[in-house]
PDB file of N, CA and C in Angstrom:
ATOM      1  N   MET A   1     -49.475  80.147 -98.387  1.00  0.00           N
ATOM      2  CA  MET A   1     -49.245  80.218 -96.956  1.00  0.00           C
ATOM      3  C   MET A   1     -47.987  81.049 -96.716  1.00  0.00           C
ATOM      4  N   GLN A   2     -48.001  81.804 -95.634  1.00  0.00           N
ATOM      5  CA  GLN A   2     -46.834  82.620 -95.317  1.00  0.00           C
ATOM      6  C   GLN A   2     -45.936  81.911 -94.308  1.00  0.00           C
ATOM      7  N   TYR A   3     -44.623  82.075 -94.533  1.00  0.00           N
ATOM      8  CA  TYR A   3     -43.595  81.524 -93.653  1.00  0.00           C
ATOM      9  C   TYR A   3     -42.626  82.631 -93.291  1.00  0.00           C
ATOM     10  N   ILE A   4     -42.209  82.640 -92.036  1.00  0.00           N
ATOM     11  CA  ILE A   4     -41.171  83.580 -91.635  1.00  0.00           C
ATOM     12  C   ILE A   4     -39.859  82.817 -91.544  1.00  0.00           C
ATOM     13  N   CYS A   5     -38.830  83.408 -92.092  1.00  0.00           N
ATOM     14  CA  CYS A   5     -37.479  82.858 -92.031  1.00  0.00           C
ATOM     15  C   CYS A   5     -36.686  83.767 -91.102  1.00  0.00           C
ATOM     16  N   LEU A   6     -36.398  83.268 -89.906  1.00  0.00           N
ATOM     17  CA  LEU A   6     -35.656  84.032 -88.907  1.00  0.00           C
ATOM     18  C   LEU A   6     -34.173  83.724 -89.067  1.00  0.00           C
ATOM     19  N   ILE A   7     -33.370  84.748 -89.199  1.00  0.00           N
ATOM     20  CA  ILE A   7     -31.955  84.609 -89.545  1.00  0.00           C
ATOM     21  C   ILE A   7     -31.097  84.773 -88.293  1.00  0.00           C
ATOM     22  N   TYR A   8     -30.439  83.684 -87.901  1.00  0.00           N
ATOM     23  CA  TYR A   8     -29.602  83.674 -86.693  1.00  0.00           C
ATOM     24  C   TYR A   8     -28.151  83.417 -87.062  1.00  0.00           C
ATOM     25  N   SER A   9     -27.252  84.120 -86.388  1.00  0.00           N
ATOM     26  CA  SER A   9     -25.819  83.833 -86.534  1.00  0.00           C
ATOM     27  C   SER A   9     -25.083  84.349 -85.304  1.00  0.00           C
ATOM     28  N   ALA A  10     -23.918  83.779 -85.090  1.00  0.00           N
ATOM     29  CA  ALA A  10     -23.078  84.220 -83.976  1.00  0.00           C
ATOM     30  C   ALA A  10     -22.354  85.499 -84.374  1.00  0.00           C
ATOM     31  N   PRO A  11     -22.224  86.450 -83.459  1.00  0.00           N
ATOM     32  CA  PRO A  11     -21.469  87.662 -83.772  1.00  0.00           C
ATOM     33  C   PRO A  11     -20.066  87.307 -84.272  1.00  0.00           C
ATOM     34  N   GLY A  12     -19.652  87.980 -85.337  1.00  0.00           N
ATOM     35  CA  GLY A  12     -18.326  87.756 -85.894  1.00  0.00           C
ATOM     36  C   GLY A  12     -18.234  86.594 -86.861  1.00  0.00           C
ATOM     37  N   SER A  13     -19.353  85.888 -87.109  1.00  0.00           N
ATOM     38  CA  SER A  13     -19.295  84.738 -88.004  1.00  0.00           C
ATOM     39  C   SER A  13     -19.476  85.110 -89.474  1.00  0.00           C
ATOM     40  N   SER A  14     -19.996  86.294 -89.739  1.00  0.00           N
ATOM     41  CA  SER A  14     -20.173  86.734 -91.125  1.00  0.00           C
ATOM     42  C   SER A  14     -18.972  87.583 -91.551  1.00  0.00           C
ATOM     43  N   PRO A  15     -18.845  87.821 -92.844  1.00  0.00           N
ATOM     44  CA  PRO A  15     -17.737  88.661 -93.311  1.00  0.00           C
ATOM     45  C   PRO A  15     -17.759  90.050 -92.669  1.00  0.00           C
ATOM     46  N   ILE A  16     -16.600  90.637 -92.530  1.00  0.00           N
ATOM     47  CA  ILE A  16     -16.432  91.933 -91.871  1.00  0.00           C
ATOM     48  C   ILE A  16     -16.760  93.069 -92.842  1.00  0.00           C
ATOM     49  N   PRO A  17     -17.622  94.022 -92.411  1.00  0.00           N
ATOM     50  CA  PRO A  17     -17.926  95.167 -93.273  1.00  0.00           C
ATOM     51  C   PRO A  17     -16.644  95.856 -93.752  1.00  0.00           C
ATOM     52  N   GLY A  18     -16.681  96.283 -95.014  1.00  0.00           N
ATOM     53  CA  GLY A  18     -15.533  96.971 -95.602  1.00  0.00           C
ATOM     54  C   GLY A  18     -14.582  96.047 -96.340  1.00  0.00           C
ATOM     55  N   THR A  19     -14.775  94.742 -96.220  1.00  0.00           N
ATOM     56  CA  THR A  19     -13.915  93.788 -96.929  1.00  0.00           C
ATOM     57  C   THR A  19     -14.582  93.368 -98.233  1.00  0.00           C
ATOM     58  N   PRO A  20     -13.794  92.881 -99.193  1.00  0.00           N
ATOM     59  CA  PRO A  20     -14.396  92.375-100.435  1.00  0.00           C
ATOM     60  C   PRO A  20     -15.383  91.235-100.164  1.00  0.00           C
ATOM     61  N   GLU A  21     -15.105  90.417 -99.150  1.00  0.00           N
ATOM     62  CA  GLU A  21     -16.001  89.315 -98.820  1.00  0.00           C
ATOM     63  C   GLU A  21     -17.365  89.826 -98.362  1.00  0.00           C
ATOM     64  N   PHE A  22     -17.354  90.941 -97.631  1.00  0.00           N
ATOM     65  CA  PHE A  22     -18.611  91.519 -97.162  1.00  0.00           C
ATOM     66  C   PHE A  22     -19.429  92.037 -98.343  1.00  0.00           C
ATOM     67  N   GLY A  23     -18.757  92.657 -99.307  1.00  0.00           N
ATOM     68  CA  GLY A  23     -19.455  93.137-100.495  1.00  0.00           C
ATOM     69  C   GLY A  23     -20.143  91.995-101.230  1.00  0.00           C
ATOM     70  N   ALA A  24     -19.446  90.879-101.385  1.00  0.00           N
ATOM     71  CA  ALA A  24     -20.026  89.712-102.052  1.00  0.00           C
ATOM     72  C   ALA A  24     -21.176  89.136-101.229  1.00  0.00           C
ATOM     73  N   TYR A  25     -21.018  89.136 -99.917  1.00  0.00           N
ATOM     74  CA  TYR A  25     -22.051  88.634 -99.003  1.00  0.00           C
ATOM     75  C   TYR A  25     -23.326  89.472 -99.136  1.00  0.00           C
ATOM     76  N   MET A  26     -23.186  90.781 -99.119  1.00  0.00           N
ATOM     77  CA  MET A  26     -24.346  91.652 -99.250  1.00  0.00           C
ATOM     78  C   MET A  26     -24.977  91.521-100.633  1.00  0.00           C
ATOM     79  N   GLN A  27     -24.152  91.358-101.662  1.00  0.00           N
ATOM     80  CA  GLN A  27     -24.689  91.164-103.009  1.00  0.00           C
ATOM     81  C   GLN A  27     -25.525  89.888-103.069  1.00  0.00           C
ATOM     82  N   ALA A  28     -25.080  88.850-102.363  1.00  0.00           N
ATOM     83  CA  ALA A  28     -25.848  87.604-102.307  1.00  0.00           C
ATOM     84  C   ALA A  28     -27.215  87.852-101.659  1.00  0.00           C
ATOM     85  N   TYR A  29     -27.268  88.717-100.652  1.00  0.00           N
ATOM     86  CA  TYR A  29     -28.555  89.078-100.045  1.00  0.00           C
ATOM     87  C   TYR A  29     -29.429  89.841-101.038  1.00  0.00           C
ATOM     88  N   PHE A  30     -28.843  90.809-101.742  1.00  0.00           N
ATOM     89  CA  PHE A  30     -29.611  91.571-102.737  1.00  0.00           C
ATOM     90  C   PHE A  30     -30.145  90.641-103.819  1.00  0.00           C
ATOM     91  N   ASP A  31     -29.307  89.693-104.258  1.00  0.00           N
ATOM     92  CA  ASP A  31     -29.719  88.739-105.293  1.00  0.00           C
ATOM     93  C   ASP A  31     -30.845  87.841-104.800  1.00  0.00           C
ATOM     94  N   PHE A  32     -30.717  87.350-103.549  1.00  0.00           N
ATOM     95  CA  PHE A  32     -31.777  86.504-102.996  1.00  0.00           C
ATOM     96  C   PHE A  32     -33.090  87.271-102.915  1.00  0.00           C
ATOM     97  N   THR A  33     -33.037  88.499-102.404  1.00  0.00           N
ATOM     98  CA  THR A  33     -34.245  89.311-102.276  1.00  0.00           C
ATOM     99  C   THR A  33     -34.888  89.542-103.630  1.00  0.00           C
ATOM    100  N   GLU A  34     -34.081  89.842-104.633  1.00  0.00           N
ATOM    101  CA  GLU A  34     -34.606  90.071-105.983  1.00  0.00           C
ATOM    102  C   GLU A  34     -35.251  88.798-106.533  1.00  0.00           C
ATOM    103  N   GLU A  35     -34.625  87.640-106.313  1.00  0.00           N
ATOM    104  CA  GLU A  35     -35.209  86.373-106.778  1.00  0.00           C
ATOM    105  C   GLU A  35     -36.562  86.125-106.116  1.00  0.00           C
ATOM    106  N   ALA A  36     -36.643  86.331-104.798  1.00  0.00           N
ATOM    107  CA  ALA A  36     -37.903  86.122-104.083  1.00  0.00           C
ATOM    108  C   ALA A  36     -38.979  87.090-104.589  1.00  0.00           C
ATOM    109  N   LYS A  37     -38.591  88.323-104.892  1.00  0.00           N
ATOM    110  CA  LYS A  37     -39.551  89.292-105.437  1.00  0.00           C
ATOM    111  C   LYS A  37     -40.010  88.878-106.830  1.00  0.00           C
ATOM    112  N   GLN A  38     -39.062  88.509-107.686  1.00  0.00           N
ATOM    113  CA  GLN A  38     -39.383  88.117-109.065  1.00  0.00           C
ATOM    114  C   GLN A  38     -40.341  86.925-109.109  1.00  0.00           C
ATOM    115  N   LYS A  39     -40.172  85.990-108.167  1.00  0.00           N
ATOM    116  CA  LYS A  39     -41.011  84.786-108.130  1.00  0.00           C
ATOM    117  C   LYS A  39     -42.290  84.975-107.324  1.00  0.00           C
ATOM    118  N   GLY A  40     -42.505  86.182-106.801  1.00  0.00           N
ATOM    119  CA  GLY A  40     -43.733  86.490-106.074  1.00  0.00           C
ATOM    120  C   GLY A  40     -43.780  85.949-104.656  1.00  0.00           C
ATOM    121  N   ALA A  41     -42.649  85.532-104.113  1.00  0.00           N
ATOM    122  CA  ALA A  41     -42.628  84.975-102.756  1.00  0.00           C
ATOM    123  C   ALA A  41     -42.373  86.039-101.693  1.00  0.00           C
ATOM    124  N   PHE A  42     -41.704  87.116-102.041  1.00  0.00           N
ATOM    125  CA  PHE A  42     -41.312  88.139-101.064  1.00  0.00           C
ATOM    126  C   PHE A  42     -42.530  88.902-100.557  1.00  0.00           C
ATOM    127  N   VAL A  43     -42.709  88.921 -99.241  1.00  0.00           N
ATOM    128  CA  VAL A  43     -43.743  89.737 -98.609  1.00  0.00           C
ATOM    129  C   VAL A  43     -43.080  90.888 -97.871  1.00  0.00           C
ATOM    130  N   ALA A  44     -42.048  90.566 -97.079  1.00  0.00           N
ATOM    131  CA  ALA A  44     -41.314  91.573 -96.318  1.00  0.00           C
ATOM    132  C   ALA A  44     -39.992  90.981 -95.868  1.00  0.00           C
ATOM    133  N   GLY A  45     -39.087  91.853 -95.487  1.00  0.00           N
ATOM    134  CA  GLY A  45     -37.818  91.396 -94.948  1.00  0.00           C
ATOM    135  C   GLY A  45     -36.957  92.580 -94.573  1.00  0.00           C
ATOM    136  N   ASP A  46     -36.240  92.423 -93.485  1.00  0.00           N
ATOM    137  CA  ASP A  46     -35.347  93.477 -93.033  1.00  0.00           C
ATOM    138  C   ASP A  46     -34.271  92.902 -92.140  1.00  0.00           C
ATOM    139  N   ALA A  47     -33.179  93.621 -92.056  1.00  0.00           N
ATOM    140  CA  ALA A  47     -32.138  93.311 -91.077  1.00  0.00           C
ATOM    141  C   ALA A  47     -32.503  94.041 -89.791  1.00  0.00           C
ATOM    142  N   LEU A  48     -32.023  93.519 -88.678  1.00  0.00           N
ATOM    143  CA  LEU A  48     -32.235  94.167 -87.392  1.00  0.00           C
ATOM    144  C   LEU A  48     -30.948  94.848 -86.945  1.00  0.00           C
ATOM    145  N   GLN A  49     -31.083  95.911 -86.175  1.00  0.00           N
ATOM    146  CA  GLN A  49     -29.907  96.536 -85.589  1.00  0.00           C
ATOM    147  C   GLN A  49     -29.307  95.566 -84.573  1.00  0.00           C
ATOM    148  N   SER A  50     -28.098  95.841 -84.135  1.00  0.00           N
ATOM    149  CA  SER A  50     -27.383  94.911 -83.254  1.00  0.00           C
ATOM    150  C   SER A  50     -28.114  94.708 -81.928  1.00  0.00           C
ATOM    151  N   ILE A  51     -27.768  93.623 -81.239  1.00  0.00           N
ATOM    152  CA  ILE A  51     -28.471  93.277 -79.998  1.00  0.00           C
ATOM    153  C   ILE A  51     -28.287  94.304 -78.897  1.00  0.00           C
ATOM    154  N   ASP A  52     -27.262  95.133 -78.983  1.00  0.00           N
ATOM    155  CA  ASP A  52     -27.092  96.148 -77.944  1.00  0.00           C
ATOM    156  C   ASP A  52     -28.141  97.254 -78.042  1.00  0.00           C
ATOM    157  N   THR A  53     -28.977  97.241 -79.074  1.00  0.00           N
ATOM    158  CA  THR A  53     -30.070  98.201 -79.195  1.00  0.00           C
ATOM    159  C   THR A  53     -31.396  97.626 -78.693  1.00  0.00           C
ATOM    160  N   ALA A  54     -31.412  96.345 -78.315  1.00  0.00           N
ATOM    161  CA  ALA A  54     -32.646  95.668 -77.904  1.00  0.00           C
ATOM    162  C   ALA A  54     -33.069  96.068 -76.498  1.00  0.00           C
ATOM    163  N   THR A  55     -34.374  96.084 -76.287  1.00  0.00           N
ATOM    164  CA  THR A  55     -34.970  96.251 -74.967  1.00  0.00           C
ATOM    165  C   THR A  55     -36.042  95.180 -74.826  1.00  0.00           C
ATOM    166  N   THR A  56     -36.036  94.473 -73.711  1.00  0.00           N
ATOM    167  CA  THR A  56     -37.021  93.430 -73.452  1.00  0.00           C
ATOM    168  C   THR A  56     -38.039  93.951 -72.441  1.00  0.00           C
ATOM    169  N   VAL A  57     -39.320  93.723 -72.734  1.00  0.00           N
ATOM    170  CA  VAL A  57     -40.422  94.188 -71.890  1.00  0.00           C
ATOM    171  C   VAL A  57     -41.143  92.980 -71.298  1.00  0.00           C
ATOM    172  N   THR A  58     -41.471  93.063 -70.020  1.00  0.00           N
ATOM    173  CA  THR A  58     -42.266  92.034 -69.360  1.00  0.00           C
ATOM    174  C   THR A  58     -43.176  92.701 -68.338  1.00  0.00           C
ATOM    175  N   MET A  59     -44.229  91.995 -67.947  1.00  0.00           N
ATOM    176  CA  MET A  59     -45.135  92.484 -66.898  1.00  0.00           C
ATOM    177  C   MET A  59     -44.979  91.578 -65.693  1.00  0.00           C
ATOM    178  N   LYS A  60     -44.693  92.168 -64.535  1.00  0.00           N
ATOM    179  CA  LYS A  60     -44.594  91.408 -63.288  1.00  0.00           C
ATOM    180  C   LYS A  60     -45.406  92.129 -62.223  1.00  0.00           C
ATOM    181  N   ASN A  61     -46.335  91.394 -61.644  1.00  0.00           N
ATOM    182  CA  ASN A  61     -47.199  91.955 -60.594  1.00  0.00           C
ATOM    183  C   ASN A  61     -47.874  93.246 -61.043  1.00  0.00           C
ATOM    184  N   GLY A  62     -48.316  93.262 -62.311  1.00  0.00           N
ATOM    185  CA  GLY A  62     -49.024  94.419 -62.834  1.00  0.00           C
ATOM    186  C   GLY A  62     -48.145  95.593 -63.210  1.00  0.00           C
ATOM    187  N   LYS A  63     -46.827  95.450 -63.111  1.00  0.00           N
ATOM    188  CA  LYS A  63     -45.913  96.533 -63.456  1.00  0.00           C
ATOM    189  C   LYS A  63     -45.088  96.155 -64.678  1.00  0.00           C
ATOM    190  N   VAL A  64     -44.859  97.144 -65.521  1.00  0.00           N
ATOM    191  CA  VAL A  64     -44.006  96.948 -66.689  1.00  0.00           C
ATOM    192  C   VAL A  64     -42.548  96.996 -66.248  1.00  0.00           C
ATOM    193  N   GLU A  65     -41.787  96.005 -66.660  1.00  0.00           N
ATOM    194  CA  GLU A  65     -40.355  95.990 -66.394  1.00  0.00           C
ATOM    195  C   GLU A  65     -39.627  95.921 -67.732  1.00  0.00           C
ATOM    196  N   THR A  66     -38.584  96.706 -67.861  1.00  0.00           N
ATOM    197  CA  THR A  66     -37.778  96.675 -69.071  1.00  0.00           C
ATOM    198  C   THR A  66     -36.346  96.305 -68.715  1.00  0.00           C
ATOM    199  N   THR A  67     -35.729  95.589 -69.621  1.00  0.00           N
ATOM    200  CA  THR A  67     -34.339  95.178 -69.451  1.00  0.00           C
ATOM    201  C   THR A  67     -33.597  95.494 -70.735  1.00  0.00           C
ATOM    202  N   ASP A  68     -32.419  96.076 -70.616  1.00  0.00           N
ATOM    203  CA  ASP A  68     -31.603  96.308 -71.804  1.00  0.00           C
ATOM    204  C   ASP A  68     -31.119  94.976 -72.338  1.00  0.00           C
ATOM    205  N   GLY A  69     -31.167  94.841 -73.647  1.00  0.00           N
ATOM    206  CA  GLY A  69     -30.650  93.636 -74.284  1.00  0.00           C
ATOM    207  C   GLY A  69     -31.741  92.675 -74.711  1.00  0.00           C
ATOM    208  N   PRO A  70     -31.330  91.600 -75.359  1.00  0.00           N
ATOM    209  CA  PRO A  70     -32.288  90.617 -75.872  1.00  0.00           C
ATOM    210  C   PRO A  70     -32.888  89.779 -74.749  1.00  0.00           C
ATOM    211  N   PHE A  71     -33.955  89.071 -75.060  1.00  0.00           N
ATOM    212  CA  PHE A  71     -34.661  88.236 -74.095  1.00  0.00           C
ATOM    213  C   PHE A  71     -33.774  87.127 -73.551  1.00  0.00           C
ATOM    214  N   ALA A  72     -33.004  86.484 -74.416  1.00  0.00           N
ATOM    215  CA  ALA A  72     -32.199  85.337 -73.992  1.00  0.00           C
ATOM    216  C   ALA A  72     -30.733  85.550 -74.327  1.00  0.00           C
ATOM    217  N   GLU A  73     -29.877  85.060 -73.471  1.00  0.00           N
ATOM    218  CA  GLU A  73     -28.439  85.060 -73.736  1.00  0.00           C
ATOM    219  C   GLU A  73     -28.139  83.809 -74.555  1.00  0.00           C
ATOM    220  N   THR A  74     -27.728  83.984 -75.783  1.00  0.00           N
ATOM    221  CA  THR A  74     -27.430  82.848 -76.647  1.00  0.00           C
ATOM    222  C   THR A  74     -26.184  83.133 -77.455  1.00  0.00           C
ATOM    223  N   LYS A  75     -25.616  82.085 -78.005  1.00  0.00           N
ATOM    224  CA  LYS A  75     -24.441  82.236 -78.857  1.00  0.00           C
ATOM    225  C   LYS A  75     -24.838  82.933 -80.161  1.00  0.00           C
ATOM    226  N   GLU A  76     -25.966  82.533 -80.723  1.00  0.00           N
ATOM    227  CA  GLU A  76     -26.438  83.140 -81.961  1.00  0.00           C
ATOM    228  C   GLU A  76     -27.533  84.151 -81.653  1.00  0.00           C
ATOM    229  N   THR A  77     -27.582  85.207 -82.442  1.00  0.00           N
ATOM    230  CA  THR A  77     -28.596  86.236 -82.245  1.00  0.00           C
ATOM    231  C   THR A  77     -29.429  86.396 -83.504  1.00  0.00           C
ATOM    232  N   LEU A  78     -30.643  86.900 -83.322  1.00  0.00           N
ATOM    233  CA  LEU A  78     -31.548  87.159 -84.434  1.00  0.00           C
ATOM    234  C   LEU A  78     -31.080  88.413 -85.149  1.00  0.00           C
ATOM    235  N   GLY A  79     -30.743  88.282 -86.430  1.00  0.00           N
ATOM    236  CA  GLY A  79     -30.211  89.410 -87.174  1.00  0.00           C
ATOM    237  C   GLY A  79     -31.157  89.986 -88.203  1.00  0.00           C
ATOM    238  N   GLY A  80     -32.217  89.252 -88.524  1.00  0.00           N
ATOM    239  CA  GLY A  80     -33.158  89.736 -89.522  1.00  0.00           C
ATOM    240  C   GLY A  80     -34.173  88.664 -89.845  1.00  0.00           C
ATOM    241  N   TYR A  81     -35.005  88.961 -90.841  1.00  0.00           N
ATOM    242  CA  TYR A  81     -36.058  88.027 -91.211  1.00  0.00           C
ATOM    243  C   TYR A  81     -36.491  88.251 -92.653  1.00  0.00           C
ATOM    244  N   TYR A  82     -37.107  87.236 -93.201  1.00  0.00           N
ATOM    245  CA  TYR A  82     -37.861  87.340 -94.444  1.00  0.00           C
ATOM    246  C   TYR A  82     -39.242  86.768 -94.169  1.00  0.00           C
ATOM    247  N   LEU A  83     -40.268  87.410 -94.670  1.00  0.00           N
ATOM    248  CA  LEU A  83     -41.618  86.879 -94.651  1.00  0.00           C
ATOM    249  C   LEU A  83     -41.924  86.511 -96.092  1.00  0.00           C
ATOM    250  N   LEU A  84     -42.172  85.226 -96.321  1.00  0.00           N
ATOM    251  CA  LEU A  84     -42.340  84.720 -97.680  1.00  0.00           C
ATOM    252  C   LEU A  84     -43.699  84.066 -97.870  1.00  0.00           C
ATOM    253  N   GLU A  85     -44.249  84.200 -99.043  1.00  0.00           N
ATOM    254  CA  GLU A  85     -45.479  83.520 -99.439  1.00  0.00           C
ATOM    255  C   GLU A  85     -45.061  82.303-100.259  1.00  0.00           C
ATOM    256  N   CYS A  86     -45.339  81.113 -99.735  1.00  0.00           N
ATOM    257  CA  CYS A  86     -44.915  79.868-100.378  1.00  0.00           C
ATOM    258  C   CYS A  86     -46.083  78.902-100.435  1.00  0.00           C
ATOM    259  N   LYS A  87     -46.034  77.991-101.409  1.00  0.00           N
ATOM    260  CA  LYS A  87     -47.130  77.023-101.529  1.00  0.00           C
ATOM    261  C   LYS A  87     -47.129  76.021-100.384  1.00  0.00           C
ATOM    262  N   ASP A  88     -45.940  75.731 -99.823  1.00  0.00           N
ATOM    263  CA  ASP A  88     -45.847  74.772 -98.725  1.00  0.00           C
ATOM    264  C   ASP A  88     -44.486  74.900 -98.038  1.00  0.00           C
ATOM    265  N   LEU A  89     -44.288  74.100 -96.993  1.00  0.00           N
ATOM    266  CA  LEU A  89     -43.042  74.143 -96.241  1.00  0.00           C
ATOM    267  C   LEU A  89     -41.848  73.788 -97.118  1.00  0.00           C
ATOM    268  N   ASP A  90     -42.010  72.828 -98.003  1.00  0.00           N
ATOM    269  CA  ASP A  90     -40.890  72.442 -98.870  1.00  0.00           C
ATOM    270  C   ASP A  90     -40.371  73.624 -99.674  1.00  0.00           C
ATOM    271  N   GLU A  91     -41.276  74.421-100.226  1.00  0.00           N
ATOM    272  CA  GLU A  91     -40.847  75.601-100.990  1.00  0.00           C
ATOM    273  C   GLU A  91     -40.179  76.612-100.068  1.00  0.00           C
ATOM    274  N   ALA A  92     -40.717  76.810 -98.869  1.00  0.00           N
ATOM    275  CA  ALA A  92     -40.117  77.745 -97.911  1.00  0.00           C
ATOM    276  C   ALA A  92     -38.702  77.306 -97.545  1.00  0.00           C
ATOM    277  N   LEU A  93     -38.481  76.005 -97.410  1.00  0.00           N
ATOM    278  CA  LEU A  93     -37.149  75.494 -97.069  1.00  0.00           C
ATOM    279  C   LEU A  93     -36.154  75.708 -98.204  1.00  0.00           C
ATOM    280  N   VAL A  94     -36.622  75.609 -99.436  1.00  0.00           N
ATOM    281  CA  VAL A  94     -35.745  75.882-100.584  1.00  0.00           C
ATOM    282  C   VAL A  94     -35.280  77.332-100.539  1.00  0.00           C
ATOM    283  N   TYR A  95     -36.206  78.255-100.272  1.00  0.00           N
ATOM    284  CA  TYR A  95     -35.822  79.669-100.148  1.00  0.00           C
ATOM    285  C   TYR A  95     -34.874  79.879 -98.970  1.00  0.00           C
ATOM    286  N   ALA A  96     -35.188  79.283 -97.818  1.00  0.00           N
ATOM    287  CA  ALA A  96     -34.362  79.465 -96.622  1.00  0.00           C
ATOM    288  C   ALA A  96     -32.919  79.043 -96.874  1.00  0.00           C
ATOM    289  N   ALA A  97     -32.741  77.970 -97.615  1.00  0.00           N
ATOM    290  CA  ALA A  97     -31.385  77.478 -97.899  1.00  0.00           C
ATOM    291  C   ALA A  97     -30.594  78.461 -98.756  1.00  0.00           C
ATOM    292  N   LYS A  98     -31.288  79.345 -99.463  1.00  0.00           N
ATOM    293  CA  LYS A  98     -30.622  80.336-100.315  1.00  0.00           C
ATOM    294  C   LYS A  98     -30.247  81.612 -99.573  1.00  0.00           C
ATOM    295  N   ILE A  99     -30.740  81.790 -98.349  1.00  0.00           N
ATOM    296  CA  ILE A  99     -30.401  82.983 -97.571  1.00  0.00           C
ATOM    297  C   ILE A  99     -28.918  82.881 -97.195  1.00  0.00           C
ATOM    298  N   PRO A 100     -28.108  83.882 -97.527  1.00  0.00           N
ATOM    299  CA  PRO A 100     -26.653  83.781 -97.334  1.00  0.00           C
ATOM    300  C   PRO A 100     -26.199  83.370 -95.938  1.00  0.00           C
ATOM    301  N   THR A 101     -26.887  83.783 -94.903  1.00  0.00           N
ATOM    302  CA  THR A 101     -26.473  83.425 -93.548  1.00  0.00           C
ATOM    303  C   THR A 101     -26.591  81.930 -93.282  1.00  0.00           C
ATOM    304  N   ALA A 102     -27.340  81.207 -94.084  1.00  0.00           N
ATOM    305  CA  ALA A 102     -27.441  79.751 -93.906  1.00  0.00           C
ATOM    306  C   ALA A 102     -26.067  79.095 -94.014  1.00  0.00           C
ATOM    307  N   ARG A 103     -25.101  79.762 -94.666  1.00  0.00           N
ATOM    308  CA  ARG A 103     -23.754  79.208 -94.832  1.00  0.00           C
ATOM    309  C   ARG A 103     -22.943  79.229 -93.530  1.00  0.00           C
ATOM    310  N   HIS A 104     -23.276  80.123 -92.612  1.00  0.00           N
ATOM    311  CA  HIS A 104     -22.507  80.207 -91.362  1.00  0.00           C
ATOM    312  C   HIS A 104     -23.383  80.335 -90.114  1.00  0.00           C
ATOM    313  N   GLY A 105     -24.681  80.343 -90.294  1.00  0.00           N
ATOM    314  CA  GLY A 105     -25.609  80.467 -89.171  1.00  0.00           C
ATOM    315  C   GLY A 105     -26.766  79.502 -89.346  1.00  0.00           C
ATOM    316  N   HIS A 106     -27.930  79.923 -88.918  1.00  0.00           N
ATOM    317  CA  HIS A 106     -29.127  79.091 -89.015  1.00  0.00           C
ATOM    318  C   HIS A 106     -30.315  79.939 -89.454  1.00  0.00           C
ATOM    319  N   ILE A 107     -31.198  79.309 -90.208  1.00  0.00           N
ATOM    320  CA  ILE A 107     -32.437  79.957 -90.620  1.00  0.00           C
ATOM    321  C   ILE A 107     -33.576  79.139 -90.028  1.00  0.00           C
ATOM    322  N   GLU A 108     -34.335  79.750 -89.143  1.00  0.00           N
ATOM    323  CA  GLU A 108     -35.499  79.084 -88.564  1.00  0.00           C
ATOM    324  C   GLU A 108     -36.708  79.418 -89.422  1.00  0.00           C
ATOM    325  N   VAL A 109     -37.410  78.409 -89.897  1.00  0.00           N
ATOM    326  CA  VAL A 109     -38.570  78.594 -90.768  1.00  0.00           C
ATOM    327  C   VAL A 109     -39.817  78.188 -89.998  1.00  0.00           C
ATOM    328  N   ARG A 110     -40.777  79.116 -89.921  1.00  0.00           N
ATOM    329  CA  ARG A 110     -42.019  78.826 -89.206  1.00  0.00           C
ATOM    330  C   ARG A 110     -43.202  79.370 -89.975  1.00  0.00           C
ATOM    331  N   PRO A 111     -44.293  78.589 -90.046  1.00  0.00           N
ATOM    332  CA  PRO A 111     -45.500  79.103 -90.692  1.00  0.00           C
ATOM    333  C   PRO A 111     -46.149  80.181 -89.837  1.00  0.00           C
ATOM    334  N   ILE A 112     -46.775  81.119 -90.512  1.00  0.00           N
ATOM    335  CA  ILE A 112     -47.506  82.183 -89.833  1.00  0.00           C
ATOM    336  C   ILE A 112     -48.902  81.640 -89.476  1.00  0.00           C
ATOM    337  N   MET A 113     -49.306  81.846 -88.233  1.00  0.00           N
ATOM    338  CA  MET A 113     -50.629  81.417 -87.796  1.00  0.00           C
ATOM    339  C   MET A 113     -51.622  82.508 -88.148  1.00  0.00           C
ATOM    340  N   VAL A 114     -52.668  82.137 -88.852  1.00  0.00           N
ATOM    341  CA  VAL A 114     -53.680  83.094 -89.259  1.00  0.00           C
ATOM    342  C   VAL A 114     -54.912  82.893 -88.377  1.00  0.00           C
ATOM    343  N   PHE A 115     -55.340  83.969 -87.737  1.00  0.00           N
ATOM    344  CA  PHE A 115     -56.536  83.934 -86.903  1.00  0.00           C
ATOM    345  C   PHE A 115     -57.694  84.516 -87.693  1.00  0.00           C
ATOM    346  N   ASP A 116     -58.798  83.814 -87.708  1.00  0.00           N
ATOM    347  CA  ASP A 116     -60.003  84.327 -88.372  1.00  0.00           C
ATOM    348  C   ASP A 116     -60.708  85.284 -87.429  1.00  0.00           C
ATOM    349  N   ASP A 117     -61.264  86.339 -88.013  1.00  0.00           N
ATOM    350  CA  ASP A 117     -62.017  87.310 -87.189  1.00  0.00           C
ATOM    351  C   ASP A 117     -63.333  86.734 -86.750  1.00  0.00           C
TER     352      ASP A 117
END
């Protein structure tokens, strides 16, 4: 079964780029990704650009409306994701706990809904 791990954190809560702490933080991400690949769980994963690059689209009265920025104003923002193939939720939670942002943010784990044709 596939699970998506949505990575949320507050701006400024992770190590600052260019610092030794940031290098170690990124290495932890590379290590996690490699472990998930080695164990056959990795399906996909990427970081997202900052929220100031987001555009939200909605339809109102048959017209497309766009708004600069994310859909919701929140303290934490979505920074990236992993799509993992796991035998069950328990295994997905073990992987989620290893995602480096779990130390200062939150990882939302949700099963992927599969629609039959």
